[in-house]
Amino acid sequence: MPMMQVQTSVPANGTATPFGGLQYEFMHEPASIEIAIVAAATGVVATVYSGPDLLLQEGPTTIKAANTVPVYPDDYHLEDDAAAGDRLSVLLRNTTGGAIVVYTYCKITPHV
């Protein structure tokens, strides 16, 4: 089962796309996905897409503020069934005046 694990420093009042350019940014086959986003501090909002499905529209509610990696299953709040070719897109936006480290993980379970 593939997994993407990304640690990103989101600049002050800036944005980041943690899955951009990774092996599984575009799904190779149909799969169930579970996404976790944990930030080192409050002030980060995220927009998350799985192909055409909007899973989170710029909301801070699923982003836990803890200076640690996501814990399974506690921090995996976003789930979807993705088709082959679907793009997994996460846009992080820092609303504060200082850089914040964000951990973005995606657990991929191919459909058999």
PDB file of N, CA and C in Angstrom:
ATOM      1  N   MET A   1       0.843  -1.167   0.000  1.00  0.00           N
ATOM      2  CA  MET A   1       0.000   0.000   0.000  1.00  0.00           C
ATOM      3  C   MET A   1       0.892   1.235   0.000  1.00  0.00           C
ATOM      4  N   PRO A   2       0.815   2.076  -1.043  1.00  0.00           N
ATOM      5  CA  PRO A   2       1.634   3.280  -1.130  1.00  0.00           C
ATOM      6  C   PRO A   2       1.225   4.332  -0.098  1.00  0.00           C
ATOM      7  N   MET A   3       2.184   5.193   0.227  1.00  0.00           N
ATOM      8  CA  MET A   3       1.919   6.296   1.153  1.00  0.00           C
ATOM      9  C   MET A   3       2.789   7.478   0.762  1.00  0.00           C
ATOM     10  N   MET A   4       2.190   8.676   0.800  1.00  0.00           N
ATOM     11  CA  MET A   4       2.961   9.898   0.592  1.00  0.00           C
ATOM     12  C   MET A   4       3.087  10.580   1.951  1.00  0.00           C
ATOM     13  N   GLN A   5       4.312  10.958   2.298  1.00  0.00           N
ATOM     14  CA  GLN A   5       4.579  11.635   3.556  1.00  0.00           C
ATOM     15  C   GLN A   5       5.416  12.866   3.246  1.00  0.00           C
ATOM     16  N   VAL A   6       4.852  14.054   3.486  1.00  0.00           N
ATOM     17  CA  VAL A   6       5.538  15.286   3.115  1.00  0.00           C
ATOM     18  C   VAL A   6       5.571  16.238   4.295  1.00  0.00           C
ATOM     19  N   GLN A   7       6.751  16.794   4.547  1.00  0.00           N
ATOM     20  CA  GLN A   7       6.914  17.863   5.528  1.00  0.00           C
ATOM     21  C   GLN A   7       7.217  19.130   4.743  1.00  0.00           C
ATOM     22  N   THR A   8       6.378  20.160   4.911  1.00  0.00           N
ATOM     23  CA  THR A   8       6.491  21.388   4.139  1.00  0.00           C
ATOM     24  C   THR A   8       6.579  22.577   5.065  1.00  0.00           C
ATOM     25  N   SER A   9       7.488  23.495   4.785  1.00  0.00           N
ATOM     26  CA  SER A   9       7.516  24.765   5.502  1.00  0.00           C
ATOM     27  C   SER A   9       6.736  25.766   4.651  1.00  0.00           C
ATOM     28  N   VAL A  10       5.562  26.155   5.143  1.00  0.00           N
ATOM     29  CA  VAL A  10       4.712  27.094   4.397  1.00  0.00           C
ATOM     30  C   VAL A  10       5.120  28.508   4.817  1.00  0.00           C
ATOM     31  N   PRO A  11       5.590  29.339   3.872  1.00  0.00           N
ATOM     32  CA  PRO A  11       6.094  30.658   4.233  1.00  0.00           C
ATOM     33  C   PRO A  11       4.999  31.592   4.761  1.00  0.00           C
ATOM     34  N   ALA A  12       5.423  32.603   5.480  1.00  0.00           N
ATOM     35  CA  ALA A  12       4.502  33.602   6.021  1.00  0.00           C
ATOM     36  C   ALA A  12       3.621  34.160   4.916  1.00  0.00           C
ATOM     37  N   ASN A  13       2.314  34.141   5.133  1.00  0.00           N
ATOM     38  CA  ASN A  13       1.331  34.629   4.167  1.00  0.00           C
ATOM     39  C   ASN A  13       1.520  34.018   2.783  1.00  0.00           C
ATOM     40  N   GLY A  14       2.031  32.799   2.733  1.00  0.00           N
ATOM     41  CA  GLY A  14       2.294  32.137   1.465  1.00  0.00           C
ATOM     42  C   GLY A  14       1.512  30.847   1.312  1.00  0.00           C
ATOM     43  N   THR A  15       1.770  30.141   0.213  1.00  0.00           N
ATOM     44  CA  THR A  15       1.077  28.890  -0.082  1.00  0.00           C
ATOM     45  C   THR A  15       2.085  27.804  -0.416  1.00  0.00           C
ATOM     46  N   ALA A  16       1.616  26.562  -0.386  1.00  0.00           N
ATOM     47  CA  ALA A  16       2.429  25.411  -0.766  1.00  0.00           C
ATOM     48  C   ALA A  16       1.518  24.309  -1.276  1.00  0.00           C
ATOM     49  N   THR A  17       2.038  23.495  -2.180  1.00  0.00           N
ATOM     50  CA  THR A  17       1.323  22.333  -2.707  1.00  0.00           C
ATOM     51  C   THR A  17       2.177  21.098  -2.431  1.00  0.00           C
ATOM     52  N   PRO A  18       1.989  20.471  -1.272  1.00  0.00           N
ATOM     53  CA  PRO A  18       2.891  19.405  -0.842  1.00  0.00           C
ATOM     54  C   PRO A  18       2.946  18.165  -1.728  1.00  0.00           C
ATOM     55  N   PHE A  19       1.882  17.827  -2.444  1.00  0.00           N
ATOM     56  CA  PHE A  19       1.898  16.620  -3.274  1.00  0.00           C
ATOM     57  C   PHE A  19       2.373  16.877  -4.701  1.00  0.00           C
ATOM     58  N   GLY A  20       2.615  18.129  -5.056  1.00  0.00           N
ATOM     59  CA  GLY A  20       3.034  18.483  -6.407  1.00  0.00           C
ATOM     60  C   GLY A  20       4.325  17.788  -6.805  1.00  0.00           C
ATOM     61  N   GLY A  21       4.296  17.042  -7.904  1.00  0.00           N
ATOM     62  CA  GLY A  21       5.474  16.379  -8.431  1.00  0.00           C
ATOM     63  C   GLY A  21       5.788  15.017  -7.834  1.00  0.00           C
ATOM     64  N   LEU A  22       4.993  14.555  -6.881  1.00  0.00           N
ATOM     65  CA  LEU A  22       5.245  13.248  -6.279  1.00  0.00           C
ATOM     66  C   LEU A  22       4.707  12.119  -7.152  1.00  0.00           C
ATOM     67  N   GLN A  23       5.199  10.926  -6.929  1.00  0.00           N
ATOM     68  CA  GLN A  23       4.834   9.739  -7.703  1.00  0.00           C
ATOM     69  C   GLN A  23       3.322   9.518  -7.770  1.00  0.00           C
ATOM     70  N   TYR A  24       2.631   9.728  -6.660  1.00  0.00           N
ATOM     71  CA  TYR A  24       1.193   9.451  -6.613  1.00  0.00           C
ATOM     72  C   TYR A  24       0.339  10.718  -6.609  1.00  0.00           C
ATOM     73  N   GLU A  25       0.883  11.826  -7.130  1.00  0.00           N
ATOM     74  CA  GLU A  25       0.052  13.024  -7.301  1.00  0.00           C
ATOM     75  C   GLU A  25      -1.116  12.678  -8.234  1.00  0.00           C
ATOM     76  N   PHE A  26      -0.828  11.876  -9.258  1.00  0.00           N
ATOM     77  CA  PHE A  26      -1.856  11.362 -10.160  1.00  0.00           C
ATOM     78  C   PHE A  26      -1.985   9.870  -9.889  1.00  0.00           C
ATOM     79  N   MET A  27      -3.189   9.423  -9.579  1.00  0.00           N
ATOM     80  CA  MET A  27      -3.419   8.038  -9.186  1.00  0.00           C
ATOM     81  C   MET A  27      -3.130   7.090 -10.346  1.00  0.00           C
ATOM     82  N   HIS A  28      -2.442   6.011 -10.055  1.00  0.00           N
ATOM     83  CA  HIS A  28      -2.085   5.014 -11.068  1.00  0.00           C
ATOM     84  C   HIS A  28      -3.240   4.050 -11.336  1.00  0.00           C
ATOM     85  N   GLU A  29      -4.071   3.820 -10.306  1.00  0.00           N
ATOM     86  CA  GLU A  29      -5.179   2.871 -10.396  1.00  0.00           C
ATOM     87  C   GLU A  29      -6.268   3.311  -9.417  1.00  0.00           C
ATOM     88  N   PRO A  30      -7.476   2.783  -9.531  1.00  0.00           N
ATOM     89  CA  PRO A  30      -8.517   3.132  -8.565  1.00  0.00           C
ATOM     90  C   PRO A  30      -8.079   2.743  -7.150  1.00  0.00           C
ATOM     91  N   ALA A  31      -8.355   3.632  -6.191  1.00  0.00           N
ATOM     92  CA  ALA A  31      -7.915   3.375  -4.824  1.00  0.00           C
ATOM     93  C   ALA A  31      -8.737   4.192  -3.835  1.00  0.00           C
ATOM     94  N   SER A  32      -8.741   3.734  -2.595  1.00  0.00           N
ATOM     95  CA  SER A  32      -9.285   4.516  -1.491  1.00  0.00           C
ATOM     96  C   SER A  32      -8.120   5.324  -0.927  1.00  0.00           C
ATOM     97  N   ILE A  33      -8.374   6.601  -0.657  1.00  0.00           N
ATOM     98  CA  ILE A  33      -7.326   7.447  -0.089  1.00  0.00           C
ATOM     99  C   ILE A  33      -7.774   7.999   1.246  1.00  0.00           C
ATOM    100  N   GLU A  34      -6.817   8.207   2.136  1.00  0.00           N
ATOM    101  CA  GLU A  34      -7.050   8.839   3.429  1.00  0.00           C
ATOM    102  C   GLU A  34      -5.958   9.885   3.603  1.00  0.00           C
ATOM    103  N   ILE A  35      -6.367  11.120   3.921  1.00  0.00           N
ATOM    104  CA  ILE A  35      -5.411  12.227   4.015  1.00  0.00           C
ATOM    105  C   ILE A  35      -5.425  12.817   5.417  1.00  0.00           C
ATOM    106  N   ALA A  36      -4.214  13.094   5.921  1.00  0.00           N
ATOM    107  CA  ALA A  36      -4.049  13.745   7.221  1.00  0.00           C
ATOM    108  C   ALA A  36      -3.195  14.993   7.030  1.00  0.00           C
ATOM    109  N   ILE A  37      -3.583  16.088   7.704  1.00  0.00           N
ATOM    110  CA  ILE A  37      -2.802  17.326   7.675  1.00  0.00           C
ATOM    111  C   ILE A  37      -2.640  17.802   9.114  1.00  0.00           C
ATOM    112  N   VAL A  38      -1.381  17.934   9.552  1.00  0.00           N
ATOM    113  CA  VAL A  38      -1.088  18.399  10.907  1.00  0.00           C
ATOM    114  C   VAL A  38      -0.054  19.516  10.797  1.00  0.00           C
ATOM    115  N   ALA A  39      -0.312  20.640  11.467  1.00  0.00           N
ATOM    116  CA  ALA A  39       0.592  21.789  11.424  1.00  0.00           C
ATOM    117  C   ALA A  39       1.268  21.988  12.779  1.00  0.00           C
ATOM    118  N   ALA A  40       2.446  22.600  12.753  1.00  0.00           N
ATOM    119  CA  ALA A  40       3.192  22.857  13.986  1.00  0.00           C
ATOM    120  C   ALA A  40       2.566  23.985  14.797  1.00  0.00           C
ATOM    121  N   ALA A  41       1.694  24.782  14.176  1.00  0.00           N
ATOM    122  CA  ALA A  41       1.029  25.896  14.861  1.00  0.00           C
ATOM    123  C   ALA A  41      -0.290  26.202  14.165  1.00  0.00           C
ATOM    124  N   THR A  42      -1.125  26.960  14.807  1.00  0.00           N
ATOM    125  CA  THR A  42      -2.386  27.355  14.180  1.00  0.00           C
ATOM    126  C   THR A  42      -2.119  28.420  13.118  1.00  0.00           C
ATOM    127  N   GLY A  43      -3.046  28.562  12.184  1.00  0.00           N
ATOM    128  CA  GLY A  43      -2.939  29.597  11.171  1.00  0.00           C
ATOM    129  C   GLY A  43      -2.838  29.087   9.753  1.00  0.00           C
ATOM    130  N   VAL A  44      -2.863  27.762   9.571  1.00  0.00           N
ATOM    131  CA  VAL A  44      -2.809  27.187   8.221  1.00  0.00           C
ATOM    132  C   VAL A  44      -4.201  26.697   7.838  1.00  0.00           C
ATOM    133  N   VAL A  45      -4.617  27.030   6.626  1.00  0.00           N
ATOM    134  CA  VAL A  45      -5.873  26.529   6.074  1.00  0.00           C
ATOM    135  C   VAL A  45      -5.538  25.717   4.833  1.00  0.00           C
ATOM    136  N   ALA A  46      -6.439  24.803   4.466  1.00  0.00           N
ATOM    137  CA  ALA A  46      -6.163  23.922   3.330  1.00  0.00           C
ATOM    138  C   ALA A  46      -7.386  23.769   2.441  1.00  0.00           C
ATOM    139  N   THR A  47      -7.115  23.584   1.152  1.00  0.00           N
ATOM    140  CA  THR A  47      -8.122  23.186   0.181  1.00  0.00           C
ATOM    141  C   THR A  47      -7.640  21.862  -0.396  1.00  0.00           C
ATOM    142  N   VAL A  48      -8.522  20.846  -0.382  1.00  0.00           N
ATOM    143  CA  VAL A  48      -8.117  19.501  -0.794  1.00  0.00           C
ATOM    144  C   VAL A  48      -9.077  18.954  -1.843  1.00  0.00           C
ATOM    145  N   TYR A  49      -8.503  18.469  -2.941  1.00  0.00           N
ATOM    146  CA  TYR A  49      -9.258  17.818  -4.016  1.00  0.00           C
ATOM    147  C   TYR A  49      -8.740  16.404  -4.219  1.00  0.00           C
ATOM    148  N   SER A  50      -9.657  15.504  -4.552  1.00  0.00           N
ATOM    149  CA  SER A  50      -9.325  14.171  -5.029  1.00  0.00           C
ATOM    150  C   SER A  50      -9.997  14.063  -6.391  1.00  0.00           C
ATOM    151  N   GLY A  51      -9.218  14.307  -7.454  1.00  0.00           N
ATOM    152  CA  GLY A  51      -9.819  14.384  -8.784  1.00  0.00           C
ATOM    153  C   GLY A  51     -10.819  15.532  -8.805  1.00  0.00           C
ATOM    154  N   PRO A  52     -12.065  15.286  -9.264  1.00  0.00           N
ATOM    155  CA  PRO A  52     -13.063  16.341  -9.305  1.00  0.00           C
ATOM    156  C   PRO A  52     -13.765  16.573  -7.957  1.00  0.00           C
ATOM    157  N   ASP A  53     -13.468  15.734  -6.970  1.00  0.00           N
ATOM    158  CA  ASP A  53     -14.160  15.821  -5.678  1.00  0.00           C
ATOM    159  C   ASP A  53     -13.470  16.814  -4.743  1.00  0.00           C
ATOM    160  N   LEU A  54     -14.213  17.821  -4.309  1.00  0.00           N
ATOM    161  CA  LEU A  54     -13.711  18.776  -3.326  1.00  0.00           C
ATOM    162  C   LEU A  54     -13.918  18.169  -1.945  1.00  0.00           C
ATOM    163  N   LEU A  55     -12.823  17.841  -1.249  1.00  0.00           N
ATOM    164  CA  LEU A  55     -12.922  17.223   0.073  1.00  0.00           C
ATOM    165  C   LEU A  55     -12.901  18.255   1.193  1.00  0.00           C
ATOM    166  N   LEU A  56     -12.229  19.381   0.973  1.00  0.00           N
ATOM    167  CA  LEU A  56     -12.146  20.444   1.983  1.00  0.00           C
ATOM    168  C   LEU A  56     -11.913  21.765   1.284  1.00  0.00           C
ATOM    169  N   GLN A  57     -12.781  22.732   1.533  1.00  0.00           N
ATOM    170  CA  GLN A  57     -12.628  24.043   0.919  1.00  0.00           C
ATOM    171  C   GLN A  57     -12.094  25.025   1.951  1.00  0.00           C
ATOM    172  N   GLU A  58     -10.829  25.371   1.808  1.00  0.00           N
ATOM    173  CA  GLU A  58     -10.106  26.295   2.678  1.00  0.00           C
ATOM    174  C   GLU A  58     -10.664  26.346   4.092  1.00  0.00           C
ATOM    175  N   GLY A  59     -10.477  25.236   4.779  1.00  0.00           N
ATOM    176  CA  GLY A  59     -10.959  25.152   6.147  1.00  0.00           C
ATOM    177  C   GLY A  59      -9.868  24.734   7.108  1.00  0.00           C
ATOM    178  N   PRO A  60      -9.836  25.332   8.284  1.00  0.00           N
ATOM    179  CA  PRO A  60      -8.842  24.965   9.287  1.00  0.00           C
ATOM    180  C   PRO A  60      -9.304  23.831  10.196  1.00  0.00           C
ATOM    181  N   THR A  61     -10.548  23.399  10.070  1.00  0.00           N
ATOM    182  CA  THR A  61     -11.124  22.487  11.055  1.00  0.00           C
ATOM    183  C   THR A  61     -10.487  21.112  11.084  1.00  0.00           C
ATOM    184  N   THR A  62      -9.886  20.648   9.989  1.00  0.00           N
ATOM    185  CA  THR A  62      -9.263  19.327  10.002  1.00  0.00           C
ATOM    186  C   THR A  62      -7.752  19.408  10.188  1.00  0.00           C
ATOM    187  N   ILE A  63      -7.230  20.599  10.425  1.00  0.00           N
ATOM    188  CA  ILE A  63      -5.796  20.764  10.605  1.00  0.00           C
ATOM    189  C   ILE A  63      -5.485  20.912  12.082  1.00  0.00           C
ATOM    190  N   LYS A  64      -4.928  19.860  12.642  1.00  0.00           N
ATOM    191  CA  LYS A  64      -4.572  19.851  14.054  1.00  0.00           C
ATOM    192  C   LYS A  64      -3.262  20.609  14.241  1.00  0.00           C
ATOM    193  N   ALA A  65      -3.189  21.418  15.292  1.00  0.00           N
ATOM    194  CA  ALA A  65      -1.961  22.132  15.610  1.00  0.00           C
ATOM    195  C   ALA A  65      -1.179  21.312  16.629  1.00  0.00           C
ATOM    196  N   ALA A  66      -0.176  20.603  16.156  1.00  0.00           N
ATOM    197  CA  ALA A  66       0.690  19.791  17.011  1.00  0.00           C
ATOM    198  C   ALA A  66       2.012  19.612  16.279  1.00  0.00           C
ATOM    199  N   ASN A  67       3.099  19.794  16.966  1.00  0.00           N
ATOM    200  CA  ASN A  67       4.397  19.686  16.312  1.00  0.00           C
ATOM    201  C   ASN A  67       4.832  18.224  16.255  1.00  0.00           C
ATOM    202  N   THR A  68       4.028  17.418  15.545  1.00  0.00           N
ATOM    203  CA  THR A  68       4.304  15.991  15.407  1.00  0.00           C
ATOM    204  C   THR A  68       3.687  15.491  14.106  1.00  0.00           C
ATOM    205  N   VAL A  69       4.127  14.337  13.667  1.00  0.00           N
ATOM    206  CA  VAL A  69       3.571  13.749  12.448  1.00  0.00           C
ATOM    207  C   VAL A  69       2.150  13.247  12.729  1.00  0.00           C
ATOM    208  N   PRO A  70       1.330  13.093  11.685  1.00  0.00           N
ATOM    209  CA  PRO A  70      -0.028  12.583  11.875  1.00  0.00           C
ATOM    210  C   PRO A  70      -0.049  11.172  12.467  1.00  0.00           C
ATOM    211  N   VAL A  71      -1.064  10.911  13.265  1.00  0.00           N
ATOM    212  CA  VAL A  71      -1.266   9.604  13.890  1.00  0.00           C
ATOM    213  C   VAL A  71      -2.452   8.930  13.212  1.00  0.00           C
ATOM    214  N   TYR A  72      -2.268   7.651  12.832  1.00  0.00           N
ATOM    215  CA  TYR A  72      -3.361   6.913  12.189  1.00  0.00           C
ATOM    216  C   TYR A  72      -4.134   6.136  13.257  1.00  0.00           C
ATOM    217  N   PRO A  73      -5.450   6.189  13.255  1.00  0.00           N
ATOM    218  CA  PRO A  73      -6.362   6.850  12.321  1.00  0.00           C
ATOM    219  C   PRO A  73      -6.832   8.220  12.801  1.00  0.00           C
ATOM    220  N   ASP A  74      -6.351   8.653  13.958  1.00  0.00           N
ATOM    221  CA  ASP A  74      -6.867   9.866  14.608  1.00  0.00           C
ATOM    222  C   ASP A  74      -6.852  11.123  13.734  1.00  0.00           C
ATOM    223  N   ASP A  75      -5.791  11.333  12.962  1.00  0.00           N
ATOM    224  CA  ASP A  75      -5.631  12.573  12.202  1.00  0.00           C
ATOM    225  C   ASP A  75      -6.033  12.462  10.734  1.00  0.00           C
ATOM    226  N   TYR A  76      -6.503  11.301  10.311  1.00  0.00           N
ATOM    227  CA  TYR A  76      -6.892  11.093   8.914  1.00  0.00           C
ATOM    228  C   TYR A  76      -8.385  11.391   8.750  1.00  0.00           C
ATOM    229  N   HIS A  77      -8.703  12.677   8.584  1.00  0.00           N
ATOM    230  CA  HIS A  77     -10.092  13.123   8.543  1.00  0.00           C
ATOM    231  C   HIS A  77     -10.693  13.148   7.139  1.00  0.00           C
ATOM    232  N   LEU A  78      -9.855  13.100   6.113  1.00  0.00           N
ATOM    233  CA  LEU A  78     -10.345  13.206   4.742  1.00  0.00           C
ATOM    234  C   LEU A  78     -10.192  11.868   4.030  1.00  0.00           C
ATOM    235  N   GLU A  79     -11.306  11.369   3.471  1.00  0.00           N
ATOM    236  CA  GLU A  79     -11.306  10.080   2.778  1.00  0.00           C
ATOM    237  C   GLU A  79     -12.071  10.207   1.464  1.00  0.00           C
ATOM    238  N   ASP A  80     -11.648   9.411   0.465  1.00  0.00           N
ATOM    239  CA  ASP A  80     -12.344   9.417  -0.815  1.00  0.00           C
ATOM    240  C   ASP A  80     -11.943   8.177  -1.604  1.00  0.00           C
ATOM    241  N   ASP A  81     -12.745   7.840  -2.600  1.00  0.00           N
ATOM    242  CA  ASP A  81     -12.394   6.821  -3.575  1.00  0.00           C
ATOM    243  C   ASP A  81     -11.933   7.561  -4.822  1.00  0.00           C
ATOM    244  N   ALA A  82     -10.695   7.327  -5.219  1.00  0.00           N
ATOM    245  CA  ALA A  82     -10.118   8.016  -6.371  1.00  0.00           C
ATOM    246  C   ALA A  82     -10.046   7.068  -7.562  1.00  0.00           C
ATOM    247  N   ALA A  83     -10.272   7.608  -8.741  1.00  0.00           N
ATOM    248  CA  ALA A  83     -10.184   6.829  -9.978  1.00  0.00           C
ATOM    249  C   ALA A  83      -8.764   6.928 -10.541  1.00  0.00           C
ATOM    250  N   ALA A  84      -8.432   6.007 -11.422  1.00  0.00           N
ATOM    251  CA  ALA A  84      -7.135   6.069 -12.097  1.00  0.00           C
ATOM    252  C   ALA A  84      -7.030   7.399 -12.842  1.00  0.00           C
ATOM    253  N   GLY A  85      -5.912   8.075 -12.688  1.00  0.00           N
ATOM    254  CA  GLY A  85      -5.709   9.366 -13.344  1.00  0.00           C
ATOM    255  C   GLY A  85      -6.133  10.568 -12.522  1.00  0.00           C
ATOM    256  N   ASP A  86      -6.899  10.360 -11.443  1.00  0.00           N
ATOM    257  CA  ASP A  86      -7.310  11.479 -10.594  1.00  0.00           C
ATOM    258  C   ASP A  86      -6.090  12.137  -9.956  1.00  0.00           C
ATOM    259  N   ARG A  87      -6.138  13.458  -9.844  1.00  0.00           N
ATOM    260  CA  ARG A  87      -5.054  14.206  -9.209  1.00  0.00           C
ATOM    261  C   ARG A  87      -5.401  14.451  -7.745  1.00  0.00           C
ATOM    262  N   LEU A  88      -4.457  14.132  -6.865  1.00  0.00           N
ATOM    263  CA  LEU A  88      -4.614  14.454  -5.449  1.00  0.00           C
ATOM    264  C   LEU A  88      -3.958  15.815  -5.243  1.00  0.00           C
ATOM    265  N   SER A  89      -4.779  16.800  -4.909  1.00  0.00           N
ATOM    266  CA  SER A  89      -4.301  18.168  -4.833  1.00  0.00           C
ATOM    267  C   SER A  89      -4.576  18.754  -3.456  1.00  0.00           C
ATOM    268  N   VAL A  90      -3.514  19.207  -2.796  1.00  0.00           N
ATOM    269  CA  VAL A  90      -3.636  19.878  -1.508  1.00  0.00           C
ATOM    270  C   VAL A  90      -2.976  21.245  -1.647  1.00  0.00           C
ATOM    271  N   LEU A  91      -3.725  22.300  -1.341  1.00  0.00           N
ATOM    272  CA  LEU A  91      -3.182  23.658  -1.329  1.00  0.00           C
ATOM    273  C   LEU A  91      -3.207  24.144   0.108  1.00  0.00           C
ATOM    274  N   LEU A  92      -2.019  24.412   0.658  1.00  0.00           N
ATOM    275  CA  LEU A  92      -1.905  24.934   2.022  1.00  0.00           C
ATOM    276  C   LEU A  92      -1.696  26.438   1.942  1.00  0.00           C
ATOM    277  N   ARG A  93      -2.380  27.187   2.814  1.00  0.00           N
ATOM    278  CA  ARG A  93      -2.204  28.644   2.853  1.00  0.00           C
ATOM    279  C   ARG A  93      -1.951  29.067   4.292  1.00  0.00           C
ATOM    280  N   ASN A  94      -0.848  29.752   4.499  1.00  0.00           N
ATOM    281  CA  ASN A  94      -0.471  30.242   5.821  1.00  0.00           C
ATOM    282  C   ASN A  94      -1.058  31.639   6.005  1.00  0.00           C
ATOM    283  N   THR A  95      -1.864  31.823   7.033  1.00  0.00           N
ATOM    284  CA  THR A  95      -2.519  33.117   7.272  1.00  0.00           C
ATOM    285  C   THR A  95      -1.772  33.954   8.299  1.00  0.00           C
ATOM    286  N   THR A  96      -0.584  33.509   8.719  1.00  0.00           N
ATOM    287  CA  THR A  96       0.155  34.208   9.768  1.00  0.00           C
ATOM    288  C   THR A  96       1.381  34.927   9.210  1.00  0.00           C
ATOM    289  N   GLY A  97       2.088  35.610  10.086  1.00  0.00           N
ATOM    290  CA  GLY A  97       3.281  36.360   9.708  1.00  0.00           C
ATOM    291  C   GLY A  97       4.574  35.584   9.857  1.00  0.00           C
ATOM    292  N   GLY A  98       4.498  34.290  10.132  1.00  0.00           N
ATOM    293  CA  GLY A  98       5.706  33.469  10.270  1.00  0.00           C
ATOM    294  C   GLY A  98       5.534  32.133   9.576  1.00  0.00           C
ATOM    295  N   ALA A  99       6.634  31.537   9.168  1.00  0.00           N
ATOM    296  CA  ALA A  99       6.584  30.229   8.496  1.00  0.00           C
ATOM    297  C   ALA A  99       6.080  29.155   9.460  1.00  0.00           C
ATOM    298  N   ILE A 100       5.303  28.200   8.940  1.00  0.00           N
ATOM    299  CA  ILE A 100       4.760  27.096   9.744  1.00  0.00           C
ATOM    300  C   ILE A 100       5.048  25.779   9.025  1.00  0.00           C
ATOM    301  N   VAL A 101       5.556  24.806   9.770  1.00  0.00           N
ATOM    302  CA  VAL A 101       5.803  23.472   9.221  1.00  0.00           C
ATOM    303  C   VAL A 101       4.492  22.691   9.239  1.00  0.00           C
ATOM    304  N   VAL A 102       4.186  22.041   8.112  1.00  0.00           N
ATOM    305  CA  VAL A 102       2.961  21.257   7.974  1.00  0.00           C
ATOM    306  C   VAL A 102       3.328  19.856   7.491  1.00  0.00           C
ATOM    307  N   TYR A 103       2.735  18.852   8.135  1.00  0.00           N
ATOM    308  CA  TYR A 103       2.902  17.455   7.741  1.00  0.00           C
ATOM    309  C   TYR A 103       1.646  17.025   7.001  1.00  0.00           C
ATOM    310  N   THR A 104       1.803  16.601   5.741  1.00  0.00           N
ATOM    311  CA  THR A 104       0.683  16.156   4.921  1.00  0.00           C
ATOM    312  C   THR A 104       0.951  14.714   4.503  1.00  0.00           C
ATOM    313  N   TYR A 105       0.082  13.819   4.935  1.00  0.00           N
ATOM    314  CA  TYR A 105       0.241  12.388   4.644  1.00  0.00           C
ATOM    315  C   TYR A 105      -0.962  11.895   3.860  1.00  0.00           C
ATOM    316  N   CYS A 106      -0.739  10.937   2.979  1.00  0.00           N
ATOM    317  CA  CYS A 106      -1.824  10.302   2.237  1.00  0.00           C
ATOM    318  C   CYS A 106      -1.579   8.802   2.199  1.00  0.00           C
ATOM    319  N   LYS A 107      -2.532   8.060   2.704  1.00  0.00           N
ATOM    320  CA  LYS A 107      -2.490   6.589   2.708  1.00  0.00           C
ATOM    321  C   LYS A 107      -3.334   6.138   1.516  1.00  0.00           C
ATOM    322  N   ILE A 108      -2.759   5.308   0.643  1.00  0.00           N
ATOM    323  CA  ILE A 108      -3.425   4.866  -0.575  1.00  0.00           C
ATOM    324  C   ILE A 108      -3.639   3.359  -0.523  1.00  0.00           C
ATOM    325  N   THR A 109      -4.904   2.934  -0.636  1.00  0.00           N
ATOM    326  CA  THR A 109      -5.232   1.515  -0.638  1.00  0.00           C
ATOM    327  C   THR A 109      -5.872   1.159  -1.980  1.00  0.00           C
ATOM    328  N   PRO A 110      -5.098   0.513  -2.885  1.00  0.00           N
ATOM    329  CA  PRO A 110      -5.622   0.178  -4.206  1.00  0.00           C
ATOM    330  C   PRO A 110      -6.853  -0.742  -4.098  1.00  0.00           C
ATOM    331  N   HIS A 111      -7.814  -0.539  -4.997  1.00  0.00           N
ATOM    332  CA  HIS A 111      -8.979  -1.431  -5.068  1.00  0.00           C
ATOM    333  C   HIS A 111      -8.539  -2.714  -5.768  1.00  0.00           C
ATOM    334  N   VAL A 112      -8.910  -3.815  -5.202  1.00  0.00           N
ATOM    335  CA  VAL A 112      -8.485  -5.100  -5.769  1.00  0.00           C
ATOM    336  C   VAL A 112      -9.601  -5.704  -6.589  1.00  0.00           C
TER     337      VAL A 112
END
